[in-house]
């Protein structure tokens, strides 16, 4: 079970890159970051669009170079 950030080109919505999150980013920290008050997706198996607040968190904890003008980003789950 892995969590990834997927990068989509805004113009075409084409998936252009997938980044595997480092193990140092815990499930608990991701839950605090993306789950809303009434959300019950505790295992984070759904796909979440990343806001600027989320991107700031990931910039601090990864080596991903974000460009939110050109790309949209999602937090996703994969079993691969």
N, C-alpha and C. Protein backbone atom coordinates (compact mmCIF):
# COMPACT_ATOMS: atom_id res chain seq x y z
N UNK A 1 0.85 -1.17 0.00
CA UNK A 1 0.00 0.00 0.00
C UNK A 1 0.89 1.23 0.00
N UNK A 2 0.71 2.08 -1.00
CA UNK A 2 1.50 3.29 -1.12
C UNK A 2 0.59 4.47 -1.37
N UNK A 3 1.04 5.59 -0.92
CA UNK A 3 0.36 6.83 -1.24
C UNK A 3 1.27 7.63 -2.16
N UNK A 4 0.65 8.22 -3.15
CA UNK A 4 1.41 8.93 -4.18
C UNK A 4 0.78 10.29 -4.44
N UNK A 5 1.59 11.15 -5.00
CA UNK A 5 1.08 12.41 -5.54
C UNK A 5 1.12 12.27 -7.04
N UNK A 6 -0.03 12.51 -7.66
CA UNK A 6 -0.11 12.45 -9.11
C UNK A 6 -0.17 13.87 -9.66
N UNK A 7 0.53 14.07 -10.74
CA UNK A 7 0.66 15.38 -11.36
C UNK A 7 -0.03 15.34 -12.73
N UNK A 8 -1.01 16.25 -12.92
CA UNK A 8 -1.79 16.30 -14.15
C UNK A 8 -1.58 17.64 -14.84
N UNK A 9 -1.35 17.58 -16.13
CA UNK A 9 -1.25 18.80 -16.93
C UNK A 9 -2.61 19.47 -16.97
N UNK A 10 -2.67 20.73 -16.58
CA UNK A 10 -3.97 21.43 -16.51
C UNK A 10 -4.65 21.52 -17.87
N UNK A 11 -3.89 21.76 -18.91
CA UNK A 11 -4.46 21.95 -20.25
C UNK A 11 -5.20 20.72 -20.76
N UNK A 12 -4.66 19.54 -20.48
CA UNK A 12 -5.22 18.32 -21.06
C UNK A 12 -5.72 17.32 -20.02
N UNK A 13 -5.43 17.57 -18.75
CA UNK A 13 -5.74 16.66 -17.64
C UNK A 13 -5.00 15.33 -17.77
N UNK A 14 -3.94 15.32 -18.55
CA UNK A 14 -3.13 14.12 -18.73
C UNK A 14 -2.22 13.90 -17.51
N UNK A 15 -2.17 12.67 -17.05
CA UNK A 15 -1.25 12.31 -15.97
C UNK A 15 0.16 12.32 -16.53
N UNK A 16 1.02 13.16 -15.95
CA UNK A 16 2.38 13.27 -16.49
C UNK A 16 3.46 12.75 -15.54
N UNK A 17 3.13 12.62 -14.25
CA UNK A 17 4.15 12.17 -13.31
C UNK A 17 3.47 11.66 -12.05
N UNK A 18 4.08 10.65 -11.44
CA UNK A 18 3.62 10.12 -10.16
C UNK A 18 4.80 10.09 -9.21
N UNK A 19 4.59 10.62 -8.03
CA UNK A 19 5.64 10.66 -7.01
C UNK A 19 5.22 9.81 -5.82
N UNK A 20 6.03 8.84 -5.46
CA UNK A 20 5.75 8.04 -4.28
C UNK A 20 6.15 8.84 -3.04
N UNK A 21 5.27 8.86 -2.05
CA UNK A 21 5.58 9.60 -0.84
C UNK A 21 6.58 8.83 0.02
N UNK A 22 7.48 9.54 0.66
CA UNK A 22 8.43 8.86 1.54
C UNK A 22 7.74 8.29 2.77
N UNK A 23 8.29 7.24 3.31
CA UNK A 23 7.69 6.58 4.48
C UNK A 23 7.69 7.48 5.72
N UNK A 24 8.48 8.52 5.71
CA UNK A 24 8.51 9.46 6.84
C UNK A 24 7.22 10.26 6.97
N UNK A 25 6.43 10.32 5.91
CA UNK A 25 5.13 10.98 5.97
C UNK A 25 4.11 9.93 6.40
N UNK A 26 3.66 10.04 7.62
CA UNK A 26 2.80 9.01 8.20
C UNK A 26 1.35 9.15 7.75
N UNK A 27 0.63 8.06 7.87
CA UNK A 27 -0.80 8.08 7.58
C UNK A 27 -1.50 9.09 8.48
N UNK A 28 -1.12 9.14 9.73
CA UNK A 28 -1.74 10.08 10.66
C UNK A 28 -1.55 11.54 10.21
N UNK A 29 -0.36 11.88 9.75
CA UNK A 29 -0.14 13.26 9.30
C UNK A 29 -0.94 13.57 8.04
N UNK A 30 -1.10 12.58 7.17
CA UNK A 30 -1.92 12.78 5.97
C UNK A 30 -3.39 12.91 6.32
N UNK A 31 -3.84 12.14 7.29
CA UNK A 31 -5.23 12.25 7.74
C UNK A 31 -5.52 13.65 8.26
N UNK A 32 -4.62 14.16 9.08
CA UNK A 32 -4.80 15.52 9.62
C UNK A 32 -4.81 16.56 8.52
N UNK A 33 -4.03 16.32 7.49
CA UNK A 33 -3.90 17.27 6.41
C UNK A 33 -5.13 17.31 5.50
N UNK A 34 -5.65 16.16 5.11
CA UNK A 34 -6.68 16.14 4.06
C UNK A 34 -8.09 15.80 4.51
N UNK A 35 -8.24 15.13 5.64
CA UNK A 35 -9.59 14.72 6.04
C UNK A 35 -10.39 15.88 6.62
N UNK A 36 -11.62 15.96 6.19
CA UNK A 36 -12.56 16.93 6.74
C UNK A 36 -13.16 16.35 8.02
N UNK A 37 -13.84 17.16 8.76
CA UNK A 37 -14.38 16.76 10.06
C UNK A 37 -15.24 15.50 10.00
N UNK A 38 -16.12 15.38 9.03
CA UNK A 38 -17.04 14.24 8.96
C UNK A 38 -16.58 13.16 8.00
N UNK A 39 -15.38 13.24 7.53
CA UNK A 39 -14.85 12.27 6.57
C UNK A 39 -14.46 10.99 7.29
N UNK A 40 -14.86 9.85 6.74
CA UNK A 40 -14.53 8.57 7.38
C UNK A 40 -13.56 7.73 6.56
N UNK A 41 -12.85 8.33 5.65
CA UNK A 41 -11.86 7.63 4.83
C UNK A 41 -10.52 7.56 5.59
N UNK A 42 -10.53 6.85 6.71
CA UNK A 42 -9.37 6.83 7.60
C UNK A 42 -8.13 6.20 6.97
N UNK A 43 -8.33 5.33 6.00
CA UNK A 43 -7.19 4.71 5.33
C UNK A 43 -6.73 5.49 4.11
N UNK A 44 -7.41 6.58 3.83
CA UNK A 44 -7.09 7.45 2.70
C UNK A 44 -7.00 6.68 1.39
N UNK A 45 -8.04 5.97 1.05
CA UNK A 45 -8.06 5.23 -0.20
C UNK A 45 -8.70 6.02 -1.35
N UNK A 46 -9.30 7.14 -1.03
CA UNK A 46 -9.88 7.99 -2.07
C UNK A 46 -8.80 8.93 -2.62
N UNK A 47 -9.17 9.62 -3.66
CA UNK A 47 -8.27 10.59 -4.29
C UNK A 47 -8.62 11.99 -3.77
N UNK A 48 -7.60 12.76 -3.42
CA UNK A 48 -7.80 14.10 -2.87
C UNK A 48 -7.07 15.14 -3.71
N UNK A 49 -7.78 16.15 -4.15
CA UNK A 49 -7.13 17.27 -4.84
C UNK A 49 -6.32 18.05 -3.83
N UNK A 50 -5.14 18.47 -4.25
CA UNK A 50 -4.27 19.20 -3.34
C UNK A 50 -4.41 20.70 -3.52
N UNK A 51 -4.65 21.37 -2.42
CA UNK A 51 -4.74 22.83 -2.41
C UNK A 51 -3.34 23.40 -2.16
N UNK A 52 -3.24 24.71 -2.17
CA UNK A 52 -1.95 25.35 -1.89
C UNK A 52 -1.45 25.01 -0.49
N UNK A 53 -2.36 24.89 0.45
CA UNK A 53 -1.99 24.51 1.82
C UNK A 53 -1.35 23.12 1.83
N UNK A 54 -1.95 22.19 1.10
CA UNK A 54 -1.41 20.85 1.01
C UNK A 54 -0.04 20.86 0.33
N UNK A 55 0.05 21.61 -0.75
CA UNK A 55 1.31 21.69 -1.49
C UNK A 55 2.43 22.23 -0.61
N UNK A 56 2.12 23.21 0.21
CA UNK A 56 3.12 23.76 1.13
C UNK A 56 3.62 22.66 2.07
N UNK A 57 2.74 21.85 2.60
CA UNK A 57 3.14 20.73 3.46
C UNK A 57 4.08 19.79 2.71
N UNK A 58 3.70 19.40 1.50
CA UNK A 58 4.52 18.45 0.74
C UNK A 58 5.85 19.05 0.29
N UNK A 59 5.89 20.34 0.05
CA UNK A 59 7.16 20.99 -0.28
C UNK A 59 8.13 20.89 0.89
N UNK A 60 7.59 20.95 2.10
CA UNK A 60 8.43 20.87 3.29
C UNK A 60 8.89 19.44 3.58
N UNK A 61 8.18 18.44 3.06
CA UNK A 61 8.46 17.04 3.42
C UNK A 61 8.90 16.16 2.26
N UNK A 62 9.01 16.73 1.06
CA UNK A 62 9.46 15.95 -0.10
C UNK A 62 10.42 16.80 -0.92
N UNK A 63 10.92 16.20 -1.98
CA UNK A 63 11.79 16.93 -2.92
C UNK A 63 11.05 17.24 -4.22
N UNK A 64 9.74 17.20 -4.16
CA UNK A 64 8.93 17.48 -5.35
C UNK A 64 8.95 18.97 -5.64
N UNK A 65 9.17 19.30 -6.90
CA UNK A 65 9.12 20.70 -7.32
C UNK A 65 7.74 20.95 -7.92
N UNK A 66 6.89 21.59 -7.17
CA UNK A 66 5.52 21.84 -7.58
C UNK A 66 5.44 23.07 -8.48
N UNK A 67 4.52 23.02 -9.44
CA UNK A 67 4.22 24.16 -10.31
C UNK A 67 2.70 24.18 -10.48
N UNK A 68 2.03 24.82 -9.55
CA UNK A 68 0.57 24.79 -9.56
C UNK A 68 -0.05 25.69 -10.63
N UNK A 69 0.75 26.43 -11.35
CA UNK A 69 0.25 27.19 -12.48
C UNK A 69 0.02 26.27 -13.67
N UNK A 70 0.91 25.31 -13.83
CA UNK A 70 0.88 24.40 -14.98
C UNK A 70 0.20 23.07 -14.68
N UNK A 71 0.24 22.64 -13.41
CA UNK A 71 -0.24 21.30 -13.05
C UNK A 71 -1.27 21.32 -11.92
N UNK A 72 -2.11 20.31 -11.92
CA UNK A 72 -2.98 20.00 -10.79
C UNK A 72 -2.40 18.76 -10.12
N UNK A 73 -2.59 18.66 -8.82
CA UNK A 73 -2.03 17.55 -8.07
C UNK A 73 -3.09 16.86 -7.23
N UNK A 74 -2.94 15.55 -7.11
CA UNK A 74 -3.82 14.78 -6.26
C UNK A 74 -3.00 13.87 -5.35
N UNK A 75 -3.55 13.58 -4.20
CA UNK A 75 -3.02 12.57 -3.30
C UNK A 75 -3.85 11.32 -3.55
N UNK A 76 -3.20 10.23 -3.86
CA UNK A 76 -3.90 9.00 -4.20
C UNK A 76 -3.29 7.81 -3.49
N UNK A 77 -4.00 6.70 -3.60
CA UNK A 77 -3.59 5.44 -3.00
C UNK A 77 -3.35 4.44 -4.12
N UNK A 78 -2.30 3.65 -3.99
CA UNK A 78 -2.05 2.58 -4.96
C UNK A 78 -1.56 1.34 -4.22
N UNK A 79 -1.87 0.20 -4.76
CA UNK A 79 -1.40 -1.04 -4.16
C UNK A 79 -0.13 -1.52 -4.82
N UNK A 80 0.33 -0.85 -5.83
CA UNK A 80 1.54 -1.26 -6.57
C UNK A 80 2.78 -0.81 -5.86
